[in-house]
Amino acid sequence: SATHYTLKGTTVPGATVSILTPGHDPFLVTADSRGVWAYDVDLRRGRNQFEVSALDPDTGKHSEETLPVFITVPFLEIEAPNLIVDQPSEGASFENGAIPIVGRATNAATVVVTAAYTGSSGPAPAKGAATPAPPPTPKPLEVAVDADGAFTTPYELTAGRWAITITASSEDGKAQSLTRNVSVAFKGVNLTVSIRGGRSWVKVWVDGKTDPKLGAAGQVLSPGTTLSFSGKDSIEVRTGSAGVTMFTLNGTSLGALGKVGAPETWLFAPPDDPVKTQHR
């Protein structure tokens, strides 16, 4: 990118000042009655070279000296984002898959969370038993960054040991990444309910009792809302629009279990599959 600079000086009144720079025709400017002249030139980043001389209009003679002028414009130093991860901490253990991702990133346009499976969090397989296949790799999650650089989001993972990598990237392509190793070992029932694509009324029962988060009357939840529930044996959810209500059970994404606008109730009691009920 270019910037501008004003070359100026004095010579004999009315003289024609020639400003020569490599690759261009000379720039010409006439000194005023006091001999003062000025001319705006474009500068590129790096070293800029000019040669300045004057022609006396009365004698037709050039100035005895041609003055070299060198102007250096420094290149911009592109700063990498400064990334701080407050949660999760290194080596943290979780009893549900909604891992809190919390931190701050300055000079960052985007923050993306990824995870790599590093092994089972349970006991080793019995001798001779086949090693269980690793779970599917979660999709990268882009997190909204507030004006002050703060970011927070839940990140769903199935049981196991995971390396979570948070990467902050600037608009200029510079990036900084931090990795946290965590383990997830589910106990009981852990259900995440997310609303996407429309509003929905939702009511939840945990182990047969109304959950206080949404109350006995339930609540209408806006798109983008995500809530997590934990129980010992079962969680039951009544939704006014099954098609916009997404479920993640013990770290496994189930998606929507019904159609948009259809009121449905679902019972989650692993290891059994989800069951549609008539609970209202």
C-alpha atoms as a PDB file:
ATOM      1  CA  SER A   1       0.000   0.000   0.000  1.00  0.00           C
ATOM      2  CA  ALA A   2       1.097   3.600  -0.662  1.00  0.00           C
ATOM      3  CA  THR A   3       1.406   6.608   1.569  1.00  0.00           C
ATOM      4  CA  HIS A   4       2.126  10.234   0.773  1.00  0.00           C
ATOM      5  CA  TYR A   5       4.887  12.692   1.615  1.00  0.00           C
ATOM      6  CA  THR A   6       5.423  16.359   0.728  1.00  0.00           C
ATOM      7  CA  LEU A   7       8.860  17.203  -0.652  1.00  0.00           C
ATOM      8  CA  LYS A   8       9.575  20.932  -0.242  1.00  0.00           C
ATOM      9  CA  GLY A   9      12.451  23.361  -0.346  1.00  0.00           C
ATOM     10  CA  THR A  10      13.725  26.676  -1.726  1.00  0.00           C
ATOM     11  CA  THR A  11      15.514  27.782  -4.884  1.00  0.00           C
ATOM     12  CA  VAL A  12      15.543  30.882  -7.066  1.00  0.00           C
ATOM     13  CA  PRO A  13      12.105  32.449  -7.644  1.00  0.00           C
ATOM     14  CA  GLY A  14      10.283  30.989 -10.628  1.00  0.00           C
ATOM     15  CA  ALA A  15      12.708  28.099 -11.049  1.00  0.00           C
ATOM     16  CA  THR A  16      11.429  24.782 -12.396  1.00  0.00           C
ATOM     17  CA  VAL A  17      12.144  22.030  -9.907  1.00  0.00           C
ATOM     18  CA  SER A  18      12.547  18.514 -11.300  1.00  0.00           C
ATOM     19  CA  ILE A  19      11.938  15.504  -9.053  1.00  0.00           C
ATOM     20  CA  LEU A  20      13.153  12.271 -10.610  1.00  0.00           C
ATOM     21  CA  THR A  21      12.390   8.810  -9.239  1.00  0.00           C
ATOM     22  CA  PRO A  22      13.354   5.515 -10.939  1.00  0.00           C
ATOM     23  CA  GLY A  23      10.737   4.159 -13.321  1.00  0.00           C
ATOM     24  CA  HIS A  24       8.824   7.457 -13.681  1.00  0.00           C
ATOM     25  CA  ASP A  25       9.007  10.617 -15.756  1.00  0.00           C
ATOM     26  CA  PRO A  26      10.296  13.613 -13.773  1.00  0.00           C
ATOM     27  CA  PHE A  27       7.751  15.468 -11.640  1.00  0.00           C
ATOM     28  CA  LEU A  28       7.940  19.210 -12.357  1.00  0.00           C
ATOM     29  CA  VAL A  29       6.899  22.046 -10.050  1.00  0.00           C
ATOM     30  CA  THR A  30       7.504  25.821 -10.261  1.00  0.00           C
ATOM     31  CA  ALA A  31       8.885  27.750  -7.302  1.00  0.00           C
ATOM     32  CA  ASP A  32       6.844  30.771  -6.220  1.00  0.00           C
ATOM     33  CA  SER A  33       8.021  34.394  -6.066  1.00  0.00           C
ATOM     34  CA  ARG A  34       9.830  33.647  -2.826  1.00  0.00           C
ATOM     35  CA  GLY A  35      11.565  30.609  -4.314  1.00  0.00           C
ATOM     36  CA  VAL A  36       9.486  28.171  -2.222  1.00  0.00           C
ATOM     37  CA  TRP A  37       8.316  24.931  -3.841  1.00  0.00           C
ATOM     38  CA  ALA A  38       6.455  21.837  -2.655  1.00  0.00           C
ATOM     39  CA  TYR A  39       5.259  18.625  -4.299  1.00  0.00           C
ATOM     40  CA  ASP A  40       3.320  15.589  -2.951  1.00  0.00           C
ATOM     41  CA  VAL A  41       4.871  12.247  -3.877  1.00  0.00           C
ATOM     42  CA  ASP A  42       3.623   8.691  -3.373  1.00  0.00           C
ATOM     43  CA  LEU A  43       5.759   6.445  -1.197  1.00  0.00           C
ATOM     44  CA  ARG A  44       5.850   2.656  -1.231  1.00  0.00           C
ATOM     45  CA  ARG A  45       6.883   0.534   1.697  1.00  0.00           C
ATOM     46  CA  GLY A  46      10.623   0.094   1.707  1.00  0.00           C
ATOM     47  CA  ARG A  47      13.255   2.513   0.281  1.00  0.00           C
ATOM     48  CA  ASN A  48      12.082   5.401  -1.949  1.00  0.00           C
ATOM     49  CA  GLN A  49      14.677   7.353  -3.956  1.00  0.00           C
ATOM     50  CA  PHE A  50      14.338  10.841  -5.476  1.00  0.00           C
ATOM     51  CA  GLU A  51      16.791  13.162  -7.275  1.00  0.00           C
ATOM     52  CA  VAL A  52      15.922  16.863  -7.056  1.00  0.00           C
ATOM     53  CA  SER A  53      17.350  19.583  -9.356  1.00  0.00           C
ATOM     54  CA  ALA A  54      16.287  23.076 -10.488  1.00  0.00           C
ATOM     55  CA  LEU A  55      16.325  25.044 -13.758  1.00  0.00           C
ATOM     56  CA  ASP A  56      16.811  28.857 -13.595  1.00  0.00           C
ATOM     57  CA  PRO A  57      14.269  30.412 -15.985  1.00  0.00           C
ATOM     58  CA  ASP A  58      16.370  33.515 -16.542  1.00  0.00           C
ATOM     59  CA  THR A  59      19.694  31.855 -17.406  1.00  0.00           C
ATOM     60  CA  GLY A  60      18.432  28.435 -18.552  1.00  0.00           C
ATOM     61  CA  LYS A  61      21.052  26.802 -16.396  1.00  0.00           C
ATOM     62  CA  HIS A  62      20.537  23.781 -14.223  1.00  0.00           C
ATOM     63  CA  SER A  63      21.513  23.796 -10.587  1.00  0.00           C
ATOM     64  CA  GLU A  64      25.111  22.818  -9.949  1.00  0.00           C
ATOM     65  CA  GLU A  65      24.024  19.957  -7.705  1.00  0.00           C
ATOM     66  CA  THR A  66      21.377  17.267  -7.982  1.00  0.00           C
ATOM     67  CA  LEU A  67      20.239  16.473  -4.454  1.00  0.00           C
ATOM     68  CA  PRO A  68      19.512  12.818  -3.654  1.00  0.00           C
ATOM     69  CA  VAL A  69      16.623  12.206  -1.246  1.00  0.00           C
ATOM     70  CA  PHE A  70      16.004   8.792   0.343  1.00  0.00           C
ATOM     71  CA  ILE A  71      12.853   8.040   2.328  1.00  0.00           C
ATOM     72  CA  THR A  72      12.272   4.627   3.914  1.00  0.00           C
ATOM     73  CA  VAL A  73       8.760   3.540   4.828  1.00  0.00           C
ATOM     74  CA  PRO A  74       8.814   0.552   7.213  1.00  0.00           C
ATOM     75  CA  PHE A  75       6.844  -2.560   6.399  1.00  0.00           C
ATOM     76  CA  LEU A  76       3.889  -3.259   8.686  1.00  0.00           C
ATOM     77  CA  GLU A  77       4.556  -5.904  11.270  1.00  0.00           C
ATOM     78  CA  ILE A  78       1.580  -8.230  11.245  1.00  0.00           C
ATOM     79  CA  GLU A  79       0.836  -9.218  14.814  1.00  0.00           C
ATOM     80  CA  ALA A  80      -0.358 -12.695  15.631  1.00  0.00           C
ATOM     81  CA  PRO A  81      -3.403 -12.925  17.902  1.00  0.00           C
ATOM     82  CA  ASN A  82      -2.805 -13.121  21.636  1.00  0.00           C
ATOM     83  CA  LEU A  83      -4.743 -16.139  22.916  1.00  0.00           C
ATOM     84  CA  ILE A  84      -5.611 -16.986  26.533  1.00  0.00           C
ATOM     85  CA  VAL A  85      -7.608 -20.126  27.403  1.00  0.00           C
ATOM     86  CA  ASP A  86      -9.199 -20.054  30.868  1.00  0.00           C
ATOM     87  CA  GLN A  87     -11.194 -23.274  30.451  1.00  0.00           C
ATOM     88  CA  PRO A  88     -10.722 -26.171  30.170  1.00  0.00           C
ATOM     89  CA  SER A  89      -7.590 -26.544  32.229  1.00  0.00           C
ATOM     90  CA  GLU A  90      -4.902 -29.036  31.227  1.00  0.00           C
ATOM     91  CA  GLY A  91      -5.749 -32.554  32.421  1.00  0.00           C
ATOM     92  CA  ALA A  92      -9.320 -31.670  33.471  1.00  0.00           C
ATOM     93  CA  SER A  93     -11.858 -34.483  33.852  1.00  0.00           C
ATOM     94  CA  PHE A  94     -15.551 -34.155  33.031  1.00  0.00           C
ATOM     95  CA  GLU A  95     -18.549 -36.310  33.794  1.00  0.00           C
ATOM     96  CA  ASN A  96     -20.473 -34.986  30.807  1.00  0.00           C
ATOM     97  CA  GLY A  97     -19.510 -33.981  27.297  1.00  0.00           C
ATOM     98  CA  ALA A  98     -20.411 -30.286  27.448  1.00  0.00           C
ATOM     99  CA  ILE A  99     -16.836 -29.050  27.819  1.00  0.00           C
ATOM    100  CA  PRO A 100     -16.721 -25.310  28.627  1.00  0.00           C
ATOM    101  CA  ILE A 101     -14.449 -23.415  26.227  1.00  0.00           C
ATOM    102  CA  VAL A 102     -13.699 -20.007  27.763  1.00  0.00           C
ATOM    103  CA  GLY A 103     -10.966 -17.513  26.985  1.00  0.00           C
ATOM    104  CA  ARG A 104      -9.891 -14.282  25.374  1.00  0.00           C
ATOM    105  CA  ALA A 105      -8.277 -13.533  21.996  1.00  0.00           C
ATOM    106  CA  THR A 106      -7.036 -10.083  21.026  1.00  0.00           C
ATOM    107  CA  ASN A 107      -6.345  -9.129  17.390  1.00  0.00           C
ATOM    108  CA  ALA A 108      -8.394 -12.170  16.321  1.00  0.00           C
ATOM    109  CA  ALA A 109     -11.072 -12.323  13.642  1.00  0.00           C
ATOM    110  CA  THR A 110     -12.045 -15.947  14.345  1.00  0.00           C
ATOM    111  CA  VAL A 111     -11.657 -18.580  17.054  1.00  0.00           C
ATOM    112  CA  VAL A 112     -12.085 -22.234  16.050  1.00  0.00           C
ATOM    113  CA  VAL A 113     -12.250 -25.259  18.379  1.00  0.00           C
ATOM    114  CA  THR A 114     -11.228 -28.747  17.224  1.00  0.00           C
ATOM    115  CA  ALA A 115     -10.652 -32.020  19.052  1.00  0.00           C
ATOM    116  CA  ALA A 116      -8.652 -35.191  18.431  1.00  0.00           C
ATOM    117  CA  TYR A 117      -9.405 -38.499  20.166  1.00  0.00           C
ATOM    118  CA  THR A 118      -6.353 -39.806  22.038  1.00  0.00           C
ATOM    119  CA  GLY A 119      -7.746 -42.916  23.709  1.00  0.00           C
ATOM    120  CA  SER A 120     -10.297 -44.444  26.036  1.00  0.00           C
ATOM    121  CA  SER A 121     -10.978 -42.971  29.453  1.00  0.00           C
ATOM    122  CA  GLY A 122     -12.148 -46.348  30.768  1.00  0.00           C
ATOM    123  CA  PRO A 123     -10.242 -49.467  31.792  1.00  0.00           C
ATOM    124  CA  ALA A 124      -8.054 -51.187  29.225  1.00  0.00           C
ATOM    125  CA  PRO A 125      -9.730 -53.964  27.186  1.00  0.00           C
ATOM    126  CA  ALA A 126      -9.334 -57.511  28.503  1.00  0.00           C
ATOM    127  CA  LYS A 127      -6.425 -59.468  27.103  1.00  0.00           C
ATOM    128  CA  GLY A 128      -7.315 -60.721  23.645  1.00  0.00           C
ATOM    129  CA  ALA A 129     -10.350 -58.460  23.333  1.00  0.00           C
ATOM    130  CA  ALA A 130     -10.638 -56.185  20.352  1.00  0.00           C
ATOM    131  CA  THR A 131      -9.862 -52.507  20.894  1.00  0.00           C
ATOM    132  CA  PRO A 132     -13.050 -50.442  20.438  1.00  0.00           C
ATOM    133  CA  ALA A 133     -13.129 -48.250  17.349  1.00  0.00           C
ATOM    134  CA  PRO A 134     -12.522 -44.553  18.071  1.00  0.00           C
ATOM    135  CA  PRO A 135     -15.578 -42.292  18.029  1.00  0.00           C
ATOM    136  CA  PRO A 136     -16.217 -39.935  15.097  1.00  0.00           C
ATOM    137  CA  THR A 137     -14.131 -36.759  15.138  1.00  0.00           C
ATOM    138  CA  PRO A 138     -16.299 -33.757  16.070  1.00  0.00           C
ATOM    139  CA  LYS A 139     -16.702 -31.034  13.473  1.00  0.00           C
ATOM    140  CA  PRO A 140     -14.672 -27.843  13.999  1.00  0.00           C
ATOM    141  CA  LEU A 141     -16.654 -25.232  15.906  1.00  0.00           C
ATOM    142  CA  GLU A 142     -16.254 -21.530  15.149  1.00  0.00           C
ATOM    143  CA  VAL A 143     -16.863 -19.398  18.237  1.00  0.00           C
ATOM    144  CA  ALA A 144     -18.128 -15.806  18.224  1.00  0.00           C
ATOM    145  CA  VAL A 145     -15.573 -13.337  19.592  1.00  0.00           C
ATOM    146  CA  ASP A 146     -16.874 -10.337  21.567  1.00  0.00           C
ATOM    147  CA  ALA A 147     -15.592  -6.817  20.991  1.00  0.00           C
ATOM    148  CA  ASP A 148     -13.283  -7.173  24.016  1.00  0.00           C
ATOM    149  CA  GLY A 149     -11.909 -10.478  22.696  1.00  0.00           C
ATOM    150  CA  ALA A 150     -13.828 -12.727  25.105  1.00  0.00           C
ATOM    151  CA  PHE A 151     -15.319 -15.992  23.864  1.00  0.00           C
ATOM    152  CA  THR A 152     -17.256 -18.844  25.479  1.00  0.00           C
ATOM    153  CA  THR A 153     -19.060 -21.923  24.191  1.00  0.00           C
ATOM    154  CA  PRO A 154     -19.882 -25.506  25.213  1.00  0.00           C
ATOM    155  CA  TYR A 155     -18.166 -28.197  23.123  1.00  0.00           C
ATOM    156  CA  GLU A 156     -19.723 -31.640  22.992  1.00  0.00           C
ATOM    157  CA  LEU A 157     -17.457 -34.687  23.261  1.00  0.00           C
ATOM    158  CA  THR A 158     -18.150 -38.372  23.756  1.00  0.00           C
ATOM    159  CA  ALA A 159     -16.439 -40.444  26.436  1.00  0.00           C
ATOM    160  CA  GLY A 160     -12.677 -40.751  26.079  1.00  0.00           C
ATOM    161  CA  ARG A 161      -9.459 -38.784  26.265  1.00  0.00           C
ATOM    162  CA  TRP A 162      -9.279 -35.795  23.963  1.00  0.00           C
ATOM    163  CA  ALA A 163      -6.823 -33.120  22.848  1.00  0.00           C
ATOM    164  CA  ILE A 164      -8.820 -29.905  22.398  1.00  0.00           C
ATOM    165  CA  THR A 165      -7.140 -27.248  20.251  1.00  0.00           C
ATOM    166  CA  ILE A 166      -8.318 -23.631  20.258  1.00  0.00           C
ATOM    167  CA  THR A 167      -6.998 -21.564  17.338  1.00  0.00           C
ATOM    168  CA  ALA A 168      -7.305 -17.773  17.072  1.00  0.00           C
ATOM    169  CA  SER A 169      -6.679 -16.286  13.599  1.00  0.00           C
ATOM    170  CA  SER A 170      -6.258 -12.671  12.512  1.00  0.00           C
ATOM    171  CA  GLU A 171      -7.599 -11.168   9.293  1.00  0.00           C
ATOM    172  CA  ASP A 172      -4.012 -11.209   7.964  1.00  0.00           C
ATOM    173  CA  GLY A 173      -3.754 -14.981   8.362  1.00  0.00           C
ATOM    174  CA  LYS A 174      -1.603 -15.039  11.496  1.00  0.00           C
ATOM    175  CA  ALA A 175      -2.700 -17.638  14.050  1.00  0.00           C
ATOM    176  CA  GLN A 176      -2.004 -18.850  17.554  1.00  0.00           C
ATOM    177  CA  SER A 177      -3.155 -22.199  18.934  1.00  0.00           C
ATOM    178  CA  LEU A 178      -3.314 -23.693  22.415  1.00  0.00           C
ATOM    179  CA  THR A 179      -4.119 -27.328  23.233  1.00  0.00           C
ATOM    180  CA  ARG A 180      -5.702 -28.733  26.377  1.00  0.00           C
ATOM    181  CA  ASN A 181      -5.857 -32.478  27.129  1.00  0.00           C
ATOM    182  CA  VAL A 182      -9.053 -33.563  28.887  1.00  0.00           C
ATOM    183  CA  SER A 183     -10.889 -36.776  29.713  1.00  0.00           C
ATOM    184  CA  VAL A 184     -14.620 -37.427  29.581  1.00  0.00           C
ATOM    185  CA  ALA A 185     -16.230 -40.267  31.545  1.00  0.00           C
ATOM    186  CA  PHE A 186     -20.011 -40.177  31.635  1.00  0.00           C
ATOM    187  CA  LYS A 187     -22.031 -40.959  34.724  1.00  0.00           C
ATOM    188  CA  GLY A 188     -25.774 -41.342  34.470  1.00  0.00           C
ATOM    189  CA  VAL A 189     -27.614 -39.329  31.805  1.00  0.00           C
ATOM    190  CA  ASN A 190     -26.177 -36.159  30.291  1.00  0.00           C
ATOM    191  CA  LEU A 191     -28.361 -34.407  27.734  1.00  0.00           C
ATOM    192  CA  THR A 192     -27.758 -31.204  25.831  1.00  0.00           C
ATOM    193  CA  VAL A 193     -30.761 -29.492  24.243  1.00  0.00           C
ATOM    194  CA  SER A 194     -30.101 -26.934  21.476  1.00  0.00           C
ATOM    195  CA  ILE A 195     -32.662 -24.852  19.601  1.00  0.00           C
ATOM    196  CA  ARG A 196     -31.862 -24.175  15.931  1.00  0.00           C
ATOM    197  CA  GLY A 197     -33.907 -22.723  13.083  1.00  0.00           C
ATOM    198  CA  GLY A 198     -36.857 -21.416  15.121  1.00  0.00           C
ATOM    199  CA  ARG A 199     -38.314 -20.904  18.597  1.00  0.00           C
ATOM    200  CA  SER A 200     -39.744 -23.717  20.680  1.00  0.00           C
ATOM    201  CA  TRP A 201     -41.463 -24.171  24.020  1.00  0.00           C
ATOM    202  CA  VAL A 202     -39.576 -26.772  26.119  1.00  0.00           C
ATOM    203  CA  LYS A 203     -40.178 -28.508  29.444  1.00  0.00           C
ATOM    204  CA  VAL A 204     -37.800 -31.015  31.073  1.00  0.00           C
ATOM    205  CA  TRP A 205     -38.098 -33.726  33.740  1.00  0.00           C
ATOM    206  CA  VAL A 206     -34.918 -35.119  35.339  1.00  0.00           C
ATOM    207  CA  ASP A 207     -35.325 -38.498  37.090  1.00  0.00           C
ATOM    208  CA  GLY A 208     -39.078 -37.934  37.041  1.00  0.00           C
ATOM    209  CA  LYS A 209     -39.022 -34.443  38.591  1.00  0.00           C
ATOM    210  CA  THR A 210     -39.562 -31.111  36.878  1.00  0.00           C
ATOM    211  CA  ASP A 211     -36.201 -29.447  36.228  1.00  0.00           C
ATOM    212  CA  PRO A 212     -36.042 -25.966  37.829  1.00  0.00           C
ATOM    213  CA  LYS A 213     -34.143 -24.431  34.894  1.00  0.00           C
ATOM    214  CA  LEU A 214     -37.342 -24.241  32.850  1.00  0.00           C
ATOM    215  CA  GLY A 215     -39.892 -24.675  35.678  1.00  0.00           C
ATOM    216  CA  ALA A 216     -43.245 -26.383  35.835  1.00  0.00           C
ATOM    217  CA  ALA A 217     -44.661 -24.231  33.020  1.00  0.00           C
ATOM    218  CA  GLY A 218     -41.671 -24.681  30.724  1.00  0.00           C
ATOM    219  CA  GLN A 219     -40.221 -21.836  28.681  1.00  0.00           C
ATOM    220  CA  VAL A 220     -40.094 -20.641  25.091  1.00  0.00           C
ATOM    221  CA  LEU A 221     -36.467 -20.853  23.936  1.00  0.00           C
ATOM    222  CA  SER A 222     -34.990 -18.717  21.159  1.00  0.00           C
ATOM    223  CA  PRO A 223     -32.809 -20.042  18.307  1.00  0.00           C
ATOM    224  CA  GLY A 224     -29.220 -20.474  19.440  1.00  0.00           C
ATOM    225  CA  THR A 225     -30.147 -21.441  23.016  1.00  0.00           C
ATOM    226  CA  THR A 226     -28.257 -24.432  24.434  1.00  0.00           C
ATOM    227  CA  LEU A 227     -29.040 -26.023  27.810  1.00  0.00           C
ATOM    228  CA  SER A 228     -27.455 -29.034  29.527  1.00  0.00           C
ATOM    229  CA  PHE A 229     -29.176 -31.436  31.956  1.00  0.00           C
ATOM    230  CA  SER A 230     -27.770 -34.285  34.060  1.00  0.00           C
ATOM    231  CA  GLY A 231     -29.637 -37.071  35.811  1.00  0.00           C
ATOM    232  CA  LYS A 232     -29.032 -40.423  37.457  1.00  0.00           C
ATOM    233  CA  ASP A 233     -31.436 -42.578  35.442  1.00  0.00           C
ATOM    234  CA  SER A 234     -33.482 -40.592  32.933  1.00  0.00           C
ATOM    235  CA  ILE A 235     -34.272 -37.232  31.338  1.00  0.00           C
ATOM    236  CA  GLU A 236     -37.562 -36.519  29.580  1.00  0.00           C
ATOM    237  CA  VAL A 237     -38.101 -33.563  27.259  1.00  0.00           C
ATOM    238  CA  ARG A 238     -41.363 -32.098  25.945  1.00  0.00           C
ATOM    239  CA  THR A 239     -40.878 -29.751  22.977  1.00  0.00           C
ATOM    240  CA  GLY A 240     -43.410 -27.701  21.054  1.00  0.00           C
ATOM    241  CA  SER A 241     -41.419 -28.066  17.815  1.00  0.00           C
ATOM    242  CA  ALA A 242     -39.468 -31.300  17.516  1.00  0.00           C
ATOM    243  CA  GLY A 243     -37.792 -30.284  14.259  1.00  0.00           C
ATOM    244  CA  VAL A 244     -35.898 -27.339  15.784  1.00  0.00           C
ATOM    245  CA  THR A 245     -34.947 -29.157  19.017  1.00  0.00           C
ATOM    246  CA  MET A 246     -31.557 -30.872  18.776  1.00  0.00           C
ATOM    247  CA  PHE A 247     -30.344 -33.465  21.280  1.00  0.00           C
ATOM    248  CA  THR A 248     -26.868 -34.645  22.282  1.00  0.00           C
ATOM    249  CA  LEU A 249     -26.952 -37.655  24.622  1.00  0.00           C
ATOM    250  CA  ASN A 250     -23.794 -38.518  26.564  1.00  0.00           C
ATOM    251  CA  GLY A 251     -21.714 -36.760  23.931  1.00  0.00           C
ATOM    252  CA  THR A 252     -23.396 -38.392  20.914  1.00  0.00           C
ATOM    253  CA  SER A 253     -25.293 -36.029  18.622  1.00  0.00           C
ATOM    254  CA  LEU A 254     -28.817 -37.283  17.870  1.00  0.00           C
ATOM    255  CA  GLY A 255     -30.009 -34.197  16.010  1.00  0.00           C
ATOM    256  CA  ALA A 256     -33.748 -33.538  15.791  1.00  0.00           C
ATOM    257  CA  LEU A 257     -36.047 -36.485  16.466  1.00  0.00           C
ATOM    258  CA  GLY A 258     -39.195 -35.052  14.883  1.00  0.00           C
ATOM    259  CA  LYS A 259     -40.598 -32.490  12.456  1.00  0.00           C
ATOM    260  CA  VAL A 260     -40.805 -28.710  12.714  1.00  0.00           C
ATOM    261  CA  GLY A 261     -44.002 -27.618  14.483  1.00  0.00           C
ATOM    262  CA  ALA A 262     -44.734 -31.106  15.857  1.00  0.00           C
ATOM    263  CA  PRO A 263     -45.104 -31.234  19.683  1.00  0.00           C
ATOM    264  CA  GLU A 264     -43.381 -34.359  21.006  1.00  0.00           C
ATOM    265  CA  THR A 265     -42.025 -35.824  24.228  1.00  0.00           C
ATOM    266  CA  TRP A 266     -38.891 -37.966  24.341  1.00  0.00           C
ATOM    267  CA  LEU A 267     -37.467 -40.090  27.160  1.00  0.00           C
ATOM    268  CA  PHE A 268     -33.703 -40.575  27.372  1.00  0.00           C
ATOM    269  CA  ALA A 269     -32.540 -43.457  29.620  1.00  0.00           C
ATOM    270  CA  PRO A 270     -29.288 -44.938  28.269  1.00  0.00           C
ATOM    271  CA  PRO A 271     -28.248 -47.504  27.349  1.00  0.00           C
ATOM    272  CA  ASP A 272     -31.776 -47.766  25.898  1.00  0.00           C
ATOM    273  CA  ASP A 273     -32.588 -45.844  22.730  1.00  0.00           C
ATOM    274  CA  PRO A 274     -34.677 -42.652  23.077  1.00  0.00           C
ATOM    275  CA  VAL A 275     -38.390 -43.412  23.329  1.00  0.00           C
ATOM    276  CA  LYS A 276     -41.320 -41.166  22.387  1.00  0.00           C
ATOM    277  CA  THR A 277     -43.759 -40.862  25.311  1.00  0.00           C
ATOM    278  CA  GLN A 278     -47.043 -39.125  26.077  1.00  0.00           C
ATOM    279  CA  HIS A 279     -45.793 -37.151  29.111  1.00  0.00           C
ATOM    280  CA  ARG A 280     -47.235 -33.618  29.072  1.00  0.00           C
END
